[in-house]
Amino acid sequence: MDDVIKLVAKEFVKNEYGVPQEKRTYHEVFCQIHSITRQEFFDAGRNGLNPAFMITTASANYNGESLLEYQGKTYSIYRTFQVPGTDYMELYVERKGGSNGKEDHSGQSSNGNQQDP
């Protein structure tokens, strides 16, 4: 394992006014970064995802987190896979963008009108 990522666990705790606030906990783990295969890219794209890369790490490192940070950028974990016969887990990630985690490249605004270039 030659890279380090930060797995991000999220939980919501109430502040002094009773309003839920997001609290993030970071856990550094060793991993290996791999390219996405053409088939994975195609299948994920069909489902509206934009895969960035795949990470392999020890299964004991992963506890159901949905986010990770790598080289200062936040990524969403959209799929996991336990490698049969090993103690390794594959994490498939996409780049987080915008407020809802999806980048809009359609050229349309939220009301369906074409945006100016």
C-alpha atoms as a PDB file:
ATOM      1  CA  MET A   1       0.000   0.000   0.000  1.00  0.00           C
ATOM      2  CA  ASP A   2       1.672   3.170  -1.191  1.00  0.00           C
ATOM      3  CA  ASP A   3      -0.917   5.960  -0.820  1.00  0.00           C
ATOM      4  CA  VAL A   4      -2.841   7.450   2.094  1.00  0.00           C
ATOM      5  CA  ILE A   5      -6.492   8.546   2.022  1.00  0.00           C
ATOM      6  CA  LYS A   6      -8.763   9.953   4.700  1.00  0.00           C
ATOM      7  CA  LEU A   7     -12.056   8.110   5.106  1.00  0.00           C
ATOM      8  CA  VAL A   8     -14.766  10.500   6.282  1.00  0.00           C
ATOM      9  CA  ALA A   9     -17.485   9.356   8.683  1.00  0.00           C
ATOM     10  CA  LYS A  10     -20.470  11.692   9.008  1.00  0.00           C
ATOM     11  CA  GLU A  11     -22.897  11.951  11.863  1.00  0.00           C
ATOM     12  CA  PHE A  12     -25.419  14.558  12.917  1.00  0.00           C
ATOM     13  CA  VAL A  13     -25.415  15.935  16.459  1.00  0.00           C
ATOM     14  CA  LYS A  14     -27.728  18.569  17.865  1.00  0.00           C
ATOM     15  CA  ASN A  15     -26.208  21.904  18.836  1.00  0.00           C
ATOM     16  CA  GLU A  16     -27.221  23.934  21.898  1.00  0.00           C
ATOM     17  CA  TYR A  17     -30.399  25.056  20.067  1.00  0.00           C
ATOM     18  CA  GLY A  18     -31.445  21.525  19.107  1.00  0.00           C
ATOM     19  CA  VAL A  19     -30.546  21.988  15.439  1.00  0.00           C
ATOM     20  CA  PRO A  20     -28.777  18.993  13.858  1.00  0.00           C
ATOM     21  CA  GLN A  21     -25.236  19.835  12.736  1.00  0.00           C
ATOM     22  CA  GLU A  22     -23.010  17.617  10.610  1.00  0.00           C
ATOM     23  CA  LYS A  23     -19.900  16.330  12.376  1.00  0.00           C
ATOM     24  CA  ARG A  24     -17.142  14.700  10.340  1.00  0.00           C
ATOM     25  CA  THR A  25     -14.534  12.297  11.670  1.00  0.00           C
ATOM     26  CA  TYR A  26     -11.423  11.575   9.579  1.00  0.00           C
ATOM     27  CA  HIS A  27      -9.520   8.282   9.583  1.00  0.00           C
ATOM     28  CA  GLU A  28      -6.257   7.947   7.617  1.00  0.00           C
ATOM     29  CA  VAL A  29      -5.648   4.585   5.960  1.00  0.00           C
ATOM     30  CA  PHE A  30      -3.053   3.114   3.614  1.00  0.00           C
ATOM     31  CA  CYS A  31      -4.280   2.103   0.169  1.00  0.00           C
ATOM     32  CA  GLN A  32      -3.461   1.589  -3.497  1.00  0.00           C
ATOM     33  CA  ILE A  33      -5.011   3.774  -6.211  1.00  0.00           C
ATOM     34  CA  HIS A  34      -6.095   2.093  -9.466  1.00  0.00           C
ATOM     35  CA  SER A  35      -7.587   3.343 -12.714  1.00  0.00           C
ATOM     36  CA  ILE A  36     -11.223   2.641 -13.506  1.00  0.00           C
ATOM     37  CA  THR A  37     -11.772   0.005 -16.198  1.00  0.00           C
ATOM     38  CA  ARG A  38     -13.671   0.904 -19.366  1.00  0.00           C
ATOM     39  CA  GLN A  39     -16.525  -1.367 -18.344  1.00  0.00           C
ATOM     40  CA  GLU A  40     -16.803   0.261 -14.899  1.00  0.00           C
ATOM     41  CA  PHE A  41     -16.722   3.716 -16.476  1.00  0.00           C
ATOM     42  CA  PHE A  42     -19.452   2.753 -18.945  1.00  0.00           C
ATOM     43  CA  ASP A  43     -21.690   1.058 -16.354  1.00  0.00           C
ATOM     44  CA  ALA A  44     -21.329   3.895 -13.839  1.00  0.00           C
ATOM     45  CA  GLY A  45     -21.924   6.532 -16.521  1.00  0.00           C
ATOM     46  CA  ARG A  46     -25.147   4.783 -17.519  1.00  0.00           C
ATOM     47  CA  ASN A  47     -26.312   5.294 -13.936  1.00  0.00           C
ATOM     48  CA  GLY A  48     -25.421   9.004 -13.874  1.00  0.00           C
ATOM     49  CA  LEU A  49     -22.115   8.580 -12.048  1.00  0.00           C
ATOM     50  CA  ASN A  50     -18.724  10.007 -12.984  1.00  0.00           C
ATOM     51  CA  PRO A  51     -16.127   7.524 -11.682  1.00  0.00           C
ATOM     52  CA  ALA A  52     -12.661   8.847 -10.864  1.00  0.00           C
ATOM     53  CA  PHE A  53     -10.679   5.816  -9.668  1.00  0.00           C
ATOM     54  CA  MET A  54     -10.764   2.657  -7.566  1.00  0.00           C
ATOM     55  CA  ILE A  55      -9.032   2.223  -4.210  1.00  0.00           C
ATOM     56  CA  THR A  56      -7.884  -1.038  -2.635  1.00  0.00           C
ATOM     57  CA  THR A  57      -7.476  -1.094   1.146  1.00  0.00           C
ATOM     58  CA  ALA A  58      -7.641  -3.631   3.960  1.00  0.00           C
ATOM     59  CA  SER A  59     -11.233  -4.556   4.800  1.00  0.00           C
ATOM     60  CA  ALA A  60     -10.643  -3.663   8.450  1.00  0.00           C
ATOM     61  CA  ASN A  61     -10.077  -0.031   7.397  1.00  0.00           C
ATOM     62  CA  TYR A  62     -13.539   0.446   5.890  1.00  0.00           C
ATOM     63  CA  ASN A  63     -16.567   0.973   8.135  1.00  0.00           C
ATOM     64  CA  GLY A  64     -19.258   2.054   5.688  1.00  0.00           C
ATOM     65  CA  GLU A  65     -18.025   5.617   5.102  1.00  0.00           C
ATOM     66  CA  SER A  66     -19.578   7.393   2.117  1.00  0.00           C
ATOM     67  CA  LEU A  67     -16.854  10.025   1.582  1.00  0.00           C
ATOM     68  CA  LEU A  68     -13.078  10.156   1.372  1.00  0.00           C
ATOM     69  CA  GLU A  69     -10.417  12.778   0.864  1.00  0.00           C
ATOM     70  CA  TYR A  70      -7.410  12.291  -1.393  1.00  0.00           C
ATOM     71  CA  GLN A  71      -4.868  14.970  -2.304  1.00  0.00           C
ATOM     72  CA  GLY A  72      -7.093  17.691  -0.854  1.00  0.00           C
ATOM     73  CA  LYS A  73     -10.201  16.733  -2.841  1.00  0.00           C
ATOM     74  CA  THR A  74     -13.404  15.117  -1.597  1.00  0.00           C
ATOM     75  CA  TYR A  75     -14.770  12.020  -3.328  1.00  0.00           C
ATOM     76  CA  SER A  76     -17.974  10.056  -2.879  1.00  0.00           C
ATOM     77  CA  ILE A  77     -17.807   6.269  -2.521  1.00  0.00           C
ATOM     78  CA  TYR A  78     -20.508   4.924  -4.842  1.00  0.00           C
ATOM     79  CA  ARG A  79     -19.690   1.195  -4.758  1.00  0.00           C
ATOM     80  CA  THR A  80     -17.675  -1.248  -2.681  1.00  0.00           C
ATOM     81  CA  PHE A  81     -16.533  -4.794  -3.378  1.00  0.00           C
ATOM     82  CA  GLN A  82     -15.016  -7.335  -0.997  1.00  0.00           C
ATOM     83  CA  VAL A  83     -12.321  -9.172  -2.987  1.00  0.00           C
ATOM     84  CA  PRO A  84     -13.089 -12.909  -2.594  1.00  0.00           C
ATOM     85  CA  GLY A  85     -10.508 -14.928  -0.686  1.00  0.00           C
ATOM     86  CA  THR A  86      -8.616 -11.846   0.531  1.00  0.00           C
ATOM     87  CA  ASP A  87      -8.715  -9.267   3.283  1.00  0.00           C
ATOM     88  CA  TYR A  88      -9.052  -6.411   0.766  1.00  0.00           C
ATOM     89  CA  MET A  89     -11.927  -4.105  -0.101  1.00  0.00           C
ATOM     90  CA  GLU A  90     -12.303  -2.170  -3.348  1.00  0.00           C
ATOM     91  CA  LEU A  91     -13.815   1.321  -3.080  1.00  0.00           C
ATOM     92  CA  TYR A  92     -15.100   2.934  -6.281  1.00  0.00           C
ATOM     93  CA  VAL A  93     -15.221   6.717  -6.073  1.00  0.00           C
ATOM     94  CA  GLU A  94     -16.478   9.733  -7.986  1.00  0.00           C
ATOM     95  CA  ARG A  95     -15.464  13.366  -7.618  1.00  0.00           C
ATOM     96  CA  LYS A  96     -17.741  15.490  -5.480  1.00  0.00           C
ATOM     97  CA  GLY A  97     -18.749  18.765  -7.100  1.00  0.00           C
ATOM     98  CA  GLY A  98     -21.248  21.506  -6.331  1.00  0.00           C
ATOM     99  CA  SER A  99     -23.501  21.591  -3.324  1.00  0.00           C
ATOM    100  CA  ASN A 100     -25.190  18.248  -4.017  1.00  0.00           C
ATOM    101  CA  GLY A 101     -22.109  16.328  -5.111  1.00  0.00           C
ATOM    102  CA  LYS A 102     -23.016  16.246  -8.803  1.00  0.00           C
ATOM    103  CA  GLU A 103     -21.519  18.471 -11.477  1.00  0.00           C
ATOM    104  CA  ASP A 104     -23.969  19.728 -14.102  1.00  0.00           C
ATOM    105  CA  HIS A 105     -22.472  19.783 -17.600  1.00  0.00           C
ATOM    106  CA  SER A 106     -25.798  19.807 -19.420  1.00  0.00           C
ATOM    107  CA  GLY A 107     -25.753  23.554 -20.158  1.00  0.00           C
ATOM    108  CA  GLN A 108     -29.232  23.970 -18.721  1.00  0.00           C
ATOM    109  CA  SER A 109     -30.264  25.871 -15.640  1.00  0.00           C
ATOM    110  CA  SER A 110     -32.453  24.307 -12.970  1.00  0.00           C
ATOM    111  CA  ASN A 111     -35.607  25.650 -14.677  1.00  0.00           C
ATOM    112  CA  GLY A 112     -34.729  23.887 -17.951  1.00  0.00           C
ATOM    113  CA  ASN A 113     -33.666  26.992 -19.896  1.00  0.00           C
ATOM    114  CA  GLN A 114     -30.406  27.049 -21.832  1.00  0.00           C
ATOM    115  CA  GLN A 115     -27.642  28.941 -20.031  1.00  0.00           C
ATOM    116  CA  ASP A 116     -25.517  31.530 -21.805  1.00  0.00           C
ATOM    117  CA  PRO A 117     -22.033  30.242 -22.709  1.00  0.00           C
END
